[in-house]
């Protein structure tokens, strides 16, 4: 069941539908976006809301992309490390007399 919650971003209120179990996450995301957009706007109160929103979205998307690439690299390293360990274990087990 979806319910609406109000989030406030740069002095504008938005009603967003979400599931009750997603409410806390959505509020945290809204706070992050609010902080980013305020940082981008700075002292320029005349900056266009949509321009600030697009810049904030692009910055956040770039961070997500960077984190994904980092995780993919870690997965690759982990897979390689596990394969090396398996080879070593197999080699050691091959040396054990039966």
PDB file of N, CA and C in Angstrom:
ATOM      1  N   UNK A   1       0.843  -1.172   0.000  1.00  0.00           N
ATOM      2  CA  UNK A   1       0.000   0.000   0.000  1.00  0.00           C
ATOM      3  C   UNK A   1       0.895   1.243   0.000  1.00  0.00           C
ATOM      4  N   UNK A   2       0.610   2.165  -0.872  1.00  0.00           N
ATOM      5  CA  UNK A   2       1.402   3.387  -0.998  1.00  0.00           C
ATOM      6  C   UNK A   2       0.725   4.528  -0.240  1.00  0.00           C
ATOM      7  N   UNK A   3       1.557   5.327   0.398  1.00  0.00           N
ATOM      8  CA  UNK A   3       1.040   6.515   1.081  1.00  0.00           C
ATOM      9  C   UNK A   3       1.914   7.690   0.695  1.00  0.00           C
ATOM     10  N   UNK A   4       1.386   8.878   0.829  1.00  0.00           N
ATOM     11  CA  UNK A   4       2.135  10.063   0.457  1.00  0.00           C
ATOM     12  C   UNK A   4       2.866  10.672   1.638  1.00  0.00           C
ATOM     13  N   UNK A   5       4.072  11.155   1.380  1.00  0.00           N
ATOM     14  CA  UNK A   5       4.791  11.917   2.389  1.00  0.00           C
ATOM     15  C   UNK A   5       5.244  13.226   1.747  1.00  0.00           C
ATOM     16  N   UNK A   6       5.354  14.235   2.559  1.00  0.00           N
ATOM     17  CA  UNK A   6       5.784  15.543   2.066  1.00  0.00           C
ATOM     18  C   UNK A   6       7.282  15.680   2.314  1.00  0.00           C
ATOM     19  N   UNK A   7       8.017  16.075   1.282  1.00  0.00           N
ATOM     20  CA  UNK A   7       9.438  16.391   1.435  1.00  0.00           C
ATOM     21  C   UNK A   7       9.637  17.842   1.019  1.00  0.00           C
ATOM     22  N   UNK A   8      10.542  18.489   1.684  1.00  0.00           N
ATOM     23  CA  UNK A   8      10.800  19.909   1.417  1.00  0.00           C
ATOM     24  C   UNK A   8      12.208  20.040   0.861  1.00  0.00           C
ATOM     25  N   UNK A   9      12.304  20.632  -0.328  1.00  0.00           N
ATOM     26  CA  UNK A   9      13.585  20.826  -0.997  1.00  0.00           C
ATOM     27  C   UNK A   9      13.647  22.260  -1.492  1.00  0.00           C
ATOM     28  N   UNK A  10      14.652  22.984  -1.044  1.00  0.00           N
ATOM     29  CA  UNK A  10      14.828  24.392  -1.395  1.00  0.00           C
ATOM     30  C   UNK A  10      13.531  25.185  -1.233  1.00  0.00           C
ATOM     31  N   UNK A  11      12.929  25.034  -0.086  1.00  0.00           N
ATOM     32  CA  UNK A  11      11.719  25.779   0.276  1.00  0.00           C
ATOM     33  C   UNK A  11      10.504  25.444  -0.587  1.00  0.00           C
ATOM     34  N   UNK A  12      10.559  24.314  -1.273  1.00  0.00           N
ATOM     35  CA  UNK A  12       9.402  23.841  -2.036  1.00  0.00           C
ATOM     36  C   UNK A  12       8.987  22.495  -1.457  1.00  0.00           C
ATOM     37  N   UNK A  13       7.703  22.298  -1.364  1.00  0.00           N
ATOM     38  CA  UNK A  13       7.197  21.043  -0.813  1.00  0.00           C
ATOM     39  C   UNK A  13       6.696  20.152  -1.931  1.00  0.00           C
ATOM     40  N   UNK A  14       7.041  18.878  -1.835  1.00  0.00           N
ATOM     41  CA  UNK A  14       6.637  17.883  -2.827  1.00  0.00           C
ATOM     42  C   UNK A  14       5.985  16.720  -2.099  1.00  0.00           C
ATOM     43  N   UNK A  15       4.845  16.263  -2.611  1.00  0.00           N
ATOM     44  CA  UNK A  15       4.190  15.064  -2.081  1.00  0.00           C
ATOM     45  C   UNK A  15       4.662  13.886  -2.924  1.00  0.00           C
ATOM     46  N   UNK A  16       5.233  12.904  -2.245  1.00  0.00           N
ATOM     47  CA  UNK A  16       5.793  11.738  -2.919  1.00  0.00           C
ATOM     48  C   UNK A  16       5.112  10.493  -2.374  1.00  0.00           C
ATOM     49  N   UNK A  17       4.672   9.633  -3.271  1.00  0.00           N
ATOM     50  CA  UNK A  17       4.075   8.373  -2.854  1.00  0.00           C
ATOM     51  C   UNK A  17       5.164   7.341  -2.592  1.00  0.00           C
ATOM     52  N   UNK A  18       5.016   6.611  -1.499  1.00  0.00           N
ATOM     53  CA  UNK A  18       5.972   5.545  -1.199  1.00  0.00           C
ATOM     54  C   UNK A  18       5.323   4.536  -0.268  1.00  0.00           C
ATOM     55  N   UNK A  19       5.915   3.358  -0.210  1.00  0.00           N
ATOM     56  CA  UNK A  19       5.460   2.322   0.709  1.00  0.00           C
ATOM     57  C   UNK A  19       5.922   2.698   2.109  1.00  0.00           C
ATOM     58  N   UNK A  20       5.178   2.298   3.132  1.00  0.00           N
ATOM     59  CA  UNK A  20       5.571   2.644   4.507  1.00  0.00           C
ATOM     60  C   UNK A  20       6.998   2.229   4.852  1.00  0.00           C
ATOM     61  N   UNK A  21       7.431   1.071   4.373  1.00  0.00           N
ATOM     62  CA  UNK A  21       8.780   0.595   4.688  1.00  0.00           C
ATOM     63  C   UNK A  21       9.876   1.374   3.948  1.00  0.00           C
ATOM     64  N   UNK A  22       9.512   2.183   2.951  1.00  0.00           N
ATOM     65  CA  UNK A  22      10.476   2.992   2.207  1.00  0.00           C
ATOM     66  C   UNK A  22      10.527   4.437   2.696  1.00  0.00           C
ATOM     67  N   UNK A  23       9.664   4.779   3.631  1.00  0.00           N
ATOM     68  CA  UNK A  23       9.514   6.160   4.090  1.00  0.00           C
ATOM     69  C   UNK A  23      10.827   6.734   4.631  1.00  0.00           C
ATOM     70  N   UNK A  24      11.479   6.011   5.523  1.00  0.00           N
ATOM     71  CA  UNK A  24      12.717   6.502   6.132  1.00  0.00           C
ATOM     72  C   UNK A  24      13.807   6.714   5.080  1.00  0.00           C
ATOM     73  N   UNK A  25      13.917   5.786   4.152  1.00  0.00           N
ATOM     74  CA  UNK A  25      14.916   5.899   3.086  1.00  0.00           C
ATOM     75  C   UNK A  25      14.629   7.096   2.184  1.00  0.00           C
ATOM     76  N   UNK A  26      13.370   7.300   1.862  1.00  0.00           N
ATOM     77  CA  UNK A  26      12.991   8.441   1.018  1.00  0.00           C
ATOM     78  C   UNK A  26      13.288   9.757   1.717  1.00  0.00           C
ATOM     79  N   UNK A  27      13.000   9.828   3.006  1.00  0.00           N
ATOM     80  CA  UNK A  27      13.283  11.052   3.752  1.00  0.00           C
ATOM     81  C   UNK A  27      14.791  11.318   3.804  1.00  0.00           C
ATOM     82  N   UNK A  28      15.585  10.277   3.981  1.00  0.00           N
ATOM     83  CA  UNK A  28      17.043  10.443   3.989  1.00  0.00           C
ATOM     84  C   UNK A  28      17.534  10.910   2.622  1.00  0.00           C
ATOM     85  N   UNK A  29      16.968  10.351   1.554  1.00  0.00           N
ATOM     86  CA  UNK A  29      17.340  10.761   0.200  1.00  0.00           C
ATOM     87  C   UNK A  29      16.968  12.219  -0.046  1.00  0.00           C
ATOM     88  N   UNK A  30      15.802  12.613   0.425  1.00  0.00           N
ATOM     89  CA  UNK A  30      15.358  14.006   0.260  1.00  0.00           C
ATOM     90  C   UNK A  30      16.287  14.956   1.016  1.00  0.00           C
ATOM     91  N   UNK A  31      16.723  14.565   2.205  1.00  0.00           N
ATOM     92  CA  UNK A  31      17.649  15.402   2.973  1.00  0.00           C
ATOM     93  C   UNK A  31      18.993  15.527   2.261  1.00  0.00           C
ATOM     94  N   UNK A  32      19.464  14.420   1.681  1.00  0.00           N
ATOM     95  CA  UNK A  32      20.715  14.455   0.922  1.00  0.00           C
ATOM     96  C   UNK A  32      20.578  15.380  -0.280  1.00  0.00           C
ATOM     97  N   UNK A  33      19.487  15.234  -1.015  1.00  0.00           N
ATOM     98  CA  UNK A  33      19.254  16.080  -2.187  1.00  0.00           C
ATOM     99  C   UNK A  33      19.139  17.550  -1.786  1.00  0.00           C
ATOM    100  N   UNK A  34      18.418  17.820  -0.710  1.00  0.00           N
ATOM    101  CA  UNK A  34      18.278  19.189  -0.204  1.00  0.00           C
ATOM    102  C   UNK A  34      19.650  19.795   0.093  1.00  0.00           C
ATOM    103  N   UNK A  35      20.500  19.046   0.784  1.00  0.00           N
ATOM    104  CA  UNK A  35      21.841  19.545   1.135  1.00  0.00           C
ATOM    105  C   UNK A  35      22.671  19.798  -0.121  1.00  0.00           C
ATOM    106  N   UNK A  36      22.608  18.875  -1.072  1.00  0.00           N
ATOM    107  CA  UNK A  36      23.373  19.039  -2.316  1.00  0.00           C
ATOM    108  C   UNK A  36      22.896  20.249  -3.093  1.00  0.00           C
ATOM    109  N   UNK A  37      21.592  20.395  -3.196  1.00  0.00           N
ATOM    110  CA  UNK A  37      21.050  21.510  -3.970  1.00  0.00           C
ATOM    111  C   UNK A  37      21.356  22.846  -3.296  1.00  0.00           C
ATOM    112  N   UNK A  38      21.293  22.894  -1.967  1.00  0.00           N
ATOM    113  CA  UNK A  38      21.662  24.128  -1.254  1.00  0.00           C
ATOM    114  C   UNK A  38      23.138  24.446  -1.480  1.00  0.00           C
ATOM    115  N   UNK A  39      23.981  23.431  -1.487  1.00  0.00           N
ATOM    116  CA  UNK A  39      25.408  23.638  -1.742  1.00  0.00           C
ATOM    117  C   UNK A  39      25.655  24.180  -3.140  1.00  0.00           C
ATOM    118  N   UNK A  40      24.936  23.662  -4.120  1.00  0.00           N
ATOM    119  CA  UNK A  40      25.097  24.117  -5.501  1.00  0.00           C
ATOM    120  C   UNK A  40      24.575  25.546  -5.647  1.00  0.00           C
ATOM    121  N   UNK A  41      23.439  25.813  -5.039  1.00  0.00           N
ATOM    122  CA  UNK A  41      22.850  27.152  -5.136  1.00  0.00           C
ATOM    123  C   UNK A  41      23.720  28.189  -4.431  1.00  0.00           C
ATOM    124  N   UNK A  42      24.282  27.804  -3.287  1.00  0.00           N
ATOM    125  CA  UNK A  42      25.112  28.737  -2.530  1.00  0.00           C
ATOM    126  C   UNK A  42      24.347  29.992  -2.170  1.00  0.00           C
ATOM    127  N   UNK A  43      24.970  31.115  -2.381  1.00  0.00           N
ATOM    128  CA  UNK A  43      24.353  32.401  -2.055  1.00  0.00           C
ATOM    129  C   UNK A  43      23.480  32.941  -3.191  1.00  0.00           C
ATOM    130  N   UNK A  44      23.490  32.272  -4.340  1.00  0.00           N
ATOM    131  CA  UNK A  44      22.732  32.741  -5.501  1.00  0.00           C
ATOM    132  C   UNK A  44      21.270  32.311  -5.394  1.00  0.00           C
ATOM    133  N   UNK A  45      20.477  33.095  -4.728  1.00  0.00           N
ATOM    134  CA  UNK A  45      19.060  32.771  -4.510  1.00  0.00           C
ATOM    135  C   UNK A  45      18.245  32.881  -5.800  1.00  0.00           C
ATOM    136  N   UNK A  46      18.828  33.459  -6.839  1.00  0.00           N
ATOM    137  CA  UNK A  46      18.105  33.631  -8.091  1.00  0.00           C
ATOM    138  C   UNK A  46      18.336  32.466  -9.066  1.00  0.00           C
ATOM    139  N   UNK A  47      19.197  31.530  -8.698  1.00  0.00           N
ATOM    140  CA  UNK A  47      19.477  30.400  -9.589  1.00  0.00           C
ATOM    141  C   UNK A  47      18.190  29.600  -9.814  1.00  0.00           C
ATOM    142  N   UNK A  48      18.009  29.132 -11.033  1.00  0.00           N
ATOM    143  CA  UNK A  48      16.798  28.399 -11.401  1.00  0.00           C
ATOM    144  C   UNK A  48      16.762  27.039 -10.704  1.00  0.00           C
ATOM    145  N   UNK A  49      15.617  26.725 -10.108  1.00  0.00           N
ATOM    146  CA  UNK A  49      15.421  25.484  -9.374  1.00  0.00           C
ATOM    147  C   UNK A  49      15.732  24.266 -10.246  1.00  0.00           C
ATOM    148  N   UNK A  50      15.215  24.265 -11.482  1.00  0.00           N
ATOM    149  CA  UNK A  50      15.408  23.102 -12.346  1.00  0.00           C
ATOM    150  C   UNK A  50      16.877  22.911 -12.720  1.00  0.00           C
ATOM    151  N   UNK A  51      17.591  23.996 -12.913  1.00  0.00           N
ATOM    152  CA  UNK A  51      19.029  23.892 -13.232  1.00  0.00           C
ATOM    153  C   UNK A  51      19.797  23.309 -12.044  1.00  0.00           C
ATOM    154  N   UNK A  52      19.484  23.793 -10.849  1.00  0.00           N
ATOM    155  CA  UNK A  52      20.131  23.280  -9.642  1.00  0.00           C
ATOM    156  C   UNK A  52      19.812  21.793  -9.478  1.00  0.00           C
ATOM    157  N   UNK A  53      18.546  21.414  -9.725  1.00  0.00           N
ATOM    158  CA  UNK A  53      18.128  20.019  -9.593  1.00  0.00           C
ATOM    159  C   UNK A  53      18.867  19.114 -10.576  1.00  0.00           C
ATOM    160  N   UNK A  54      19.025  19.574 -11.815  1.00  0.00           N
ATOM    161  CA  UNK A  54      19.722  18.764 -12.819  1.00  0.00           C
ATOM    162  C   UNK A  54      21.196  18.604 -12.449  1.00  0.00           C
ATOM    163  N   UNK A  55      21.839  19.659 -12.006  1.00  0.00           N
ATOM    164  CA  UNK A  55      23.251  19.576 -11.611  1.00  0.00           C
ATOM    165  C   UNK A  55      23.407  18.626 -10.430  1.00  0.00           C
ATOM    166  N   UNK A  56      22.515  18.738  -9.437  1.00  0.00           N
ATOM    167  CA  UNK A  56      22.574  17.844  -8.278  1.00  0.00           C
ATOM    168  C   UNK A  56      22.361  16.392  -8.706  1.00  0.00           C
ATOM    169  N   UNK A  57      21.389  16.165  -9.591  1.00  0.00           N
ATOM    170  CA  UNK A  57      21.117  14.807 -10.074  1.00  0.00           C
ATOM    171  C   UNK A  57      22.312  14.237 -10.819  1.00  0.00           C
ATOM    172  N   UNK A  58      22.939  15.049 -11.657  1.00  0.00           N
ATOM    173  CA  UNK A  58      24.117  14.586 -12.391  1.00  0.00           C
ATOM    174  C   UNK A  58      25.271  14.270 -11.447  1.00  0.00           C
ATOM    175  N   UNK A  59      25.478  15.106 -10.434  1.00  0.00           N
ATOM    176  CA  UNK A  59      26.536  14.843  -9.454  1.00  0.00           C
ATOM    177  C   UNK A  59      26.278  13.539  -8.702  1.00  0.00           C
ATOM    178  N   UNK A  60      25.043  13.336  -8.267  1.00  0.00           N
ATOM    179  CA  UNK A  60      24.708  12.107  -7.548  1.00  0.00           C
ATOM    180  C   UNK A  60      24.823  10.881  -8.461  1.00  0.00           C
ATOM    181  N   UNK A  61      24.382  11.019  -9.713  1.00  0.00           N
ATOM    182  CA  UNK A  61      24.490   9.911 -10.661  1.00  0.00           C
ATOM    183  C   UNK A  61      25.952   9.567 -10.934  1.00  0.00           C
ATOM    184  N   UNK A  62      26.811  10.568 -11.016  1.00  0.00           N
ATOM    185  CA  UNK A  62      28.242  10.322 -11.220  1.00  0.00           C
ATOM    186  C   UNK A  62      28.831   9.571 -10.026  1.00  0.00           C
ATOM    187  N   UNK A  63      28.404   9.930  -8.819  1.00  0.00           N
ATOM    188  CA  UNK A  63      28.874   9.211  -7.628  1.00  0.00           C
ATOM    189  C   UNK A  63      28.411   7.764  -7.635  1.00  0.00           C
ATOM    190  N   UNK A  64      27.157   7.529  -7.975  1.00  0.00           N
ATOM    191  CA  UNK A  64      26.628   6.165  -8.045  1.00  0.00           C
ATOM    192  C   UNK A  64      27.412   5.358  -9.069  1.00  0.00           C
ATOM    193  N   UNK A  65      27.665   5.951 -10.228  1.00  0.00           N
ATOM    194  CA  UNK A  65      28.427   5.268 -11.279  1.00  0.00           C
ATOM    195  C   UNK A  65      29.836   4.919 -10.786  1.00  0.00           C
ATOM    196  N   UNK A  66      30.471   5.854 -10.102  1.00  0.00           N
ATOM    197  CA  UNK A  66      31.808   5.627  -9.569  1.00  0.00           C
ATOM    198  C   UNK A  66      31.803   4.496  -8.539  1.00  0.00           C
ATOM    199  N   UNK A  67      30.815   4.498  -7.644  1.00  0.00           N
ATOM    200  CA  UNK A  67      30.708   3.431  -6.643  1.00  0.00           C
ATOM    201  C   UNK A  67      30.485   2.080  -7.298  1.00  0.00           C
ATOM    202  N   UNK A  68      29.659   2.046  -8.332  1.00  0.00           N
ATOM    203  CA  UNK A  68      29.408   0.778  -9.044  1.00  0.00           C
ATOM    204  C   UNK A  68      30.682   0.245  -9.677  1.00  0.00           C
ATOM    205  N   UNK A  69      31.444   1.132 -10.311  1.00  0.00           N
ATOM    206  CA  UNK A  69      32.702   0.693 -10.931  1.00  0.00           C
ATOM    207  C   UNK A  69      33.674   0.180  -9.879  1.00  0.00           C
ATOM    208  N   UNK A  70      33.712   0.863  -8.733  1.00  0.00           N
ATOM    209  CA  UNK A  70      34.585   0.429  -7.641  1.00  0.00           C
ATOM    210  C   UNK A  70      34.160  -0.950  -7.133  1.00  0.00           C
ATOM    211  N   UNK A  71      32.863  -1.163  -6.971  1.00  0.00           N
ATOM    212  CA  UNK A  71      32.367  -2.468  -6.517  1.00  0.00           C
ATOM    213  C   UNK A  71      32.655  -3.564  -7.536  1.00  0.00           C
ATOM    214  N   UNK A  72      32.502  -3.253  -8.814  1.00  0.00           N
ATOM    215  CA  UNK A  72      32.810  -4.230  -9.851  1.00  0.00           C
ATOM    216  C   UNK A  72      34.281  -4.630  -9.784  1.00  0.00           C
ATOM    217  N   UNK A  73      35.144  -3.649  -9.556  1.00  0.00           N
ATOM    218  CA  UNK A  73      36.577  -3.938  -9.430  1.00  0.00           C
ATOM    219  C   UNK A  73      36.862  -4.812  -8.225  1.00  0.00           C
ATOM    220  N   UNK A  74      36.178  -4.528  -7.121  1.00  0.00           N
ATOM    221  CA  UNK A  74      36.359  -5.354  -5.923  1.00  0.00           C
ATOM    222  C   UNK A  74      35.858  -6.767  -6.158  1.00  0.00           C
ATOM    223  N   UNK A  75      34.720  -6.898  -6.848  1.00  0.00           N
ATOM    224  CA  UNK A  75      34.199  -8.229  -7.163  1.00  0.00           C
ATOM    225  C   UNK A  75      35.192  -9.014  -8.004  1.00  0.00           C
ATOM    226  N   UNK A  76      35.778  -8.336  -8.996  1.00  0.00           N
ATOM    227  CA  UNK A  76      36.764  -8.992  -9.849  1.00  0.00           C
ATOM    228  C   UNK A  76      37.970  -9.428  -9.022  1.00  0.00           C
ATOM    229  N   UNK A  77      38.469  -8.552  -8.158  1.00  0.00           N
ATOM    230  CA  UNK A  77      39.613  -8.893  -7.302  1.00  0.00           C
ATOM    231  C   UNK A  77      39.275 -10.052  -6.376  1.00  0.00           C
ATOM    232  N   UNK A  78      38.081 -10.037  -5.811  1.00  0.00           N
ATOM    233  CA  UNK A  78      37.659 -11.100  -4.907  1.00  0.00           C
ATOM    234  C   UNK A  78      37.553 -12.432  -5.646  1.00  0.00           C
ATOM    235  N   UNK A  79      36.981 -12.403  -6.840  1.00  0.00           N
ATOM    236  CA  UNK A  79      36.857 -13.629  -7.638  1.00  0.00           C
ATOM    237  C   UNK A  79      38.233 -14.188  -7.967  1.00  0.00           C
ATOM    238  N   UNK A  80      39.152 -13.306  -8.361  1.00  0.00           N
ATOM    239  CA  UNK A  80      40.516 -13.732  -8.655  1.00  0.00           C
ATOM    240  C   UNK A  80      41.193 -14.334  -7.420  1.00  0.00           C
ATOM    241  N   UNK A  81      41.022 -13.660  -6.276  1.00  0.00           N
ATOM    242  CA  UNK A  81      41.625 -14.138  -5.030  1.00  0.00           C
ATOM    243  C   UNK A  81      41.078 -15.489  -4.617  1.00  0.00           C
ATOM    244  N   UNK A  82      39.773 -15.677  -4.753  1.00  0.00           N
ATOM    245  CA  UNK A  82      39.166 -16.962  -4.413  1.00  0.00           C
ATOM    246  C   UNK A  82      39.643 -18.075  -5.349  1.00  0.00           C
ATOM    247  N   UNK A  83      39.771 -17.754  -6.614  1.00  0.00           N
ATOM    248  CA  UNK A  83      40.272 -18.749  -7.570  1.00  0.00           C
ATOM    249  C   UNK A  83      41.701 -19.148  -7.198  1.00  0.00           C
ATOM    250  N   UNK A  84      42.531 -18.182  -6.821  1.00  0.00           N
ATOM    251  CA  UNK A  84      43.907 -18.490  -6.398  1.00  0.00           C
ATOM    252  C   UNK A  84      43.907 -19.377  -5.160  1.00  0.00           C
ATOM    253  N   UNK A  85      43.059 -19.048  -4.180  1.00  0.00           N
ATOM    254  CA  UNK A  85      42.975 -19.868  -2.969  1.00  0.00           C
ATOM    255  C   UNK A  85      42.511 -21.285  -3.282  1.00  0.00           C
ATOM    256  N   UNK A  86      41.542 -21.422  -4.162  1.00  0.00           N
ATOM    257  CA  UNK A  86      41.068 -22.754  -4.556  1.00  0.00           C
ATOM    258  C   UNK A  86      42.177 -23.566  -5.205  1.00  0.00           C
ATOM    259  N   UNK A  87      42.973 -22.944  -6.067  1.00  0.00           N
ATOM    260  CA  UNK A  87      44.088 -23.647  -6.702  1.00  0.00           C
ATOM    261  C   UNK A  87      45.101 -24.105  -5.657  1.00  0.00           C
ATOM    262  N   UNK A  88      45.393 -23.234  -4.680  1.00  0.00           N
ATOM    263  CA  UNK A  88      46.349 -23.578  -3.632  1.00  0.00           C
ATOM    264  C   UNK A  88      45.826 -24.720  -2.760  1.00  0.00           C
ATOM    265  N   UNK A  89      44.545 -24.664  -2.406  1.00  0.00           N
ATOM    266  CA  UNK A  89      43.947 -25.738  -1.608  1.00  0.00           C
ATOM    267  C   UNK A  89      43.973 -27.043  -2.385  1.00  0.00           C
ATOM    268  N   UNK A  90      43.608 -26.986  -3.662  1.00  0.00           N
ATOM    269  CA  UNK A  90      43.642 -28.196  -4.497  1.00  0.00           C
ATOM    270  C   UNK A  90      45.054 -28.762  -4.581  1.00  0.00           C
ATOM    271  N   UNK A  91      46.044 -27.869  -4.730  1.00  0.00           N
ATOM    272  CA  UNK A  91      47.437 -28.329  -4.801  1.00  0.00           C
ATOM    273  C   UNK A  91      47.866 -28.983  -3.486  1.00  0.00           C
ATOM    274  N   UNK A  92      47.483 -28.373  -2.381  1.00  0.00           N
ATOM    275  CA  UNK A  92      47.822 -28.948  -1.065  1.00  0.00           C
ATOM    276  C   UNK A  92      47.115 -30.278  -0.843  1.00  0.00           C
ATOM    277  N   UNK A  93      45.860 -30.354  -1.225  1.00  0.00           N
ATOM    278  CA  UNK A  93      45.118 -31.616  -1.080  1.00  0.00           C
ATOM    279  C   UNK A  93      45.694 -32.704  -1.979  1.00  0.00           C
ATOM    280  N   UNK A  94      46.251 -32.291  -3.095  1.00  0.00           N
ATOM    281  CA  UNK A  94      46.876 -33.249  -4.000  1.00  0.00           C
ATOM    282  C   UNK A  94      48.176 -33.832  -3.429  1.00  0.00           C
ATOM    283  N   UNK A  95      48.770 -33.138  -2.478  1.00  0.00           N
ATOM    284  CA  UNK A  95      50.023 -33.599  -1.851  1.00  0.00           C
ATOM    285  C   UNK A  95      49.765 -34.518  -0.661  1.00  0.00           C
ATOM    286  N   UNK A  96      48.533 -34.561  -0.171  1.00  0.00           N
ATOM    287  CA  UNK A  96      48.212 -35.379   1.010  1.00  0.00           C
ATOM    288  C   UNK A  96      48.095 -36.839   0.569  1.00  0.00           C
ATOM    289  N   UNK A  97      48.873 -37.731   1.253  1.00  0.00           N
ATOM    290  CA  UNK A  97      48.765 -39.165   0.894  1.00  0.00           C
ATOM    291  C   UNK A  97      47.392 -39.717   1.306  1.00  0.00           C
ATOM    292  N   UNK A  98      46.901 -40.600   0.508  1.00  0.00           N
ATOM    293  CA  UNK A  98      45.581 -41.187   0.793  1.00  0.00           C
ATOM    294  C   UNK A  98      45.701 -42.582   1.277  1.00  0.00           C
TER     295      UNK A  98
END
